[in-house]
Amino acid sequence: MNELLYAIRGRGAFRRFKDKVQRLGIQQQWDKFREEAFKEIAIDWCEYNNIPYI
């Protein structure tokens, strides 16, 4: 996935990355990965701050 690595460099990186994900046909995979990553970040933050979560 060198194409994705190239897409995230410099100005306009977010737009290029989003466009590349769509062109490669991996939007659903990216969305699932992103959702799981945010979930893990939230869980780690809650655990670090001793906050119960469901």
Protein backbone atom coordinates (compact mmCIF):
# COMPACT_ATOMS: atom_id res chain seq x y z
CA MET A 1 0.00 0.00 0.00
CA ASN A 2 2.72 2.44 -0.92
CA GLU A 3 0.02 4.48 -2.62
CA LEU A 4 -1.56 5.22 0.75
CA LEU A 5 1.79 6.13 2.29
CA TYR A 6 2.46 8.58 -0.52
CA ALA A 7 -1.05 10.03 -0.19
CA ILE A 8 -0.52 11.09 3.44
CA ARG A 9 2.45 13.35 2.78
CA GLY A 10 2.39 17.11 2.57
CA ARG A 11 -0.40 19.55 1.98
CA GLY A 12 -3.79 18.07 1.17
CA ALA A 13 -2.86 14.72 2.70
CA PHE A 14 -6.26 14.04 4.26
CA ARG A 15 -8.10 14.65 1.00
CA ARG A 16 -5.64 12.55 -1.04
CA PHE A 17 -5.85 9.71 1.46
CA LYS A 18 -9.64 9.73 1.45
CA ASP A 19 -9.74 9.81 -2.35
CA LYS A 20 -7.19 6.98 -2.61
CA VAL A 21 -9.15 4.81 -0.17
CA GLN A 22 -12.26 5.28 -2.29
CA ARG A 23 -10.42 4.59 -5.56
CA LEU A 24 -8.88 1.41 -4.16
CA GLY A 25 -12.32 0.22 -3.07
CA ILE A 26 -11.35 -0.21 0.58
CA GLN A 27 -13.66 2.37 2.15
CA GLN A 28 -15.51 -0.19 4.30
CA GLN A 29 -12.26 -1.71 5.53
CA TRP A 30 -10.88 1.72 6.38
CA ASP A 31 -14.07 2.72 8.20
CA LYS A 32 -14.00 -0.47 10.27
CA PHE A 33 -10.31 0.00 11.11
CA ARG A 34 -10.87 3.64 12.07
CA GLU A 35 -13.87 2.81 14.27
CA GLU A 36 -11.92 0.08 16.09
CA ALA A 37 -8.91 2.36 16.56
CA PHE A 38 -11.07 5.10 18.12
CA LYS A 39 -12.72 2.51 20.35
CA GLU A 40 -9.31 1.32 21.61
CA ILE A 41 -8.18 4.89 22.23
CA ALA A 42 -11.33 5.58 24.26
CA ILE A 43 -10.95 2.38 26.28
CA ASP A 44 -7.29 3.10 27.01
CA TRP A 45 -8.16 6.65 28.10
CA CYS A 46 -10.96 5.43 30.39
CA GLU A 47 -8.72 2.80 31.96
CA TYR A 48 -5.88 5.29 32.46
CA ASN A 49 -8.27 7.70 34.18
CA ASN A 50 -10.06 4.99 36.19
CA ILE A 51 -13.36 5.69 34.48
CA PRO A 52 -15.75 2.75 34.06
CA TYR A 53 -17.05 2.11 30.55
CA ILE A 54 -19.47 -0.22 28.85
